[in-house]
């Protein structure tokens, strides 16, 4: 395998890892937003933006 092919594969792995980390962070953000609404003692929660909508 040539050095160019190895570098190309390394870049592909870095892109896949970056996508995986982005997805992981998105899941964590959603989980933290809804954690209080889950379970038998969950509360109703309203999400409001800065304009009150």
Protein backbone atom coordinates (compact mmCIF):
# COMPACT_ATOMS: atom_id res chain seq x y z
CA UNK A 1 0.00 0.00 0.00
CA UNK A 2 1.40 3.38 -0.96
CA UNK A 3 1.83 6.31 1.39
CA UNK A 4 -0.89 8.22 -0.51
CA UNK A 5 -3.40 5.40 0.03
CA UNK A 6 -2.56 5.22 3.74
CA UNK A 7 -3.02 8.97 4.12
CA UNK A 8 -6.36 8.75 2.32
CA UNK A 9 -7.57 6.01 4.64
CA UNK A 10 -6.44 7.99 7.68
CA UNK A 11 -8.46 10.99 6.51
CA UNK A 12 -11.51 8.77 6.01
CA UNK A 13 -11.16 7.38 9.53
CA UNK A 14 -10.85 10.92 10.95
CA UNK A 15 -14.02 11.99 9.11
CA UNK A 16 -15.92 8.95 10.43
CA UNK A 17 -14.69 9.62 13.97
CA UNK A 18 -15.74 13.28 13.70
CA UNK A 19 -19.23 12.24 12.53
CA UNK A 20 -19.48 9.74 15.36
CA UNK A 21 -18.52 12.37 17.93
CA UNK A 22 -21.02 14.85 16.47
CA UNK A 23 -23.82 12.28 16.68
CA UNK A 24 -22.81 11.36 20.22
CA UNK A 25 -22.92 15.00 21.33
CA UNK A 26 -26.34 15.45 19.72
CA UNK A 27 -27.72 12.41 21.55
CA UNK A 28 -26.34 13.69 24.86
CA UNK A 29 -27.93 17.12 24.30
CA UNK A 30 -31.33 15.59 23.55
CA UNK A 31 -31.06 13.22 26.52
CA UNK A 32 -30.28 16.06 28.90
CA UNK A 33 -33.22 18.07 27.54
CA UNK A 34 -35.76 15.29 28.18
CA UNK A 35 -34.31 13.50 31.22
CA UNK A 36 -36.78 15.14 33.61
CA UNK A 37 -39.76 13.92 31.59
CA UNK A 38 -38.88 10.24 31.80
CA UNK A 39 -39.87 7.68 34.39
CA UNK A 40 -42.80 7.26 36.75
CA UNK A 41 -42.23 10.67 38.35
CA UNK A 42 -41.58 12.47 35.08
CA UNK A 43 -42.75 16.04 34.77
CA UNK A 44 -44.31 17.79 31.81
CA UNK A 45 -41.76 20.15 30.32
CA UNK A 46 -42.20 22.96 27.85
CA UNK A 47 -39.32 24.00 25.62
CA UNK A 48 -39.33 27.72 24.91
CA UNK A 49 -37.02 29.68 22.64
CA UNK A 50 -35.70 33.19 23.38
CA UNK A 51 -38.79 34.74 21.78
CA UNK A 52 -41.23 32.82 23.97
CA UNK A 53 -42.45 30.50 21.24
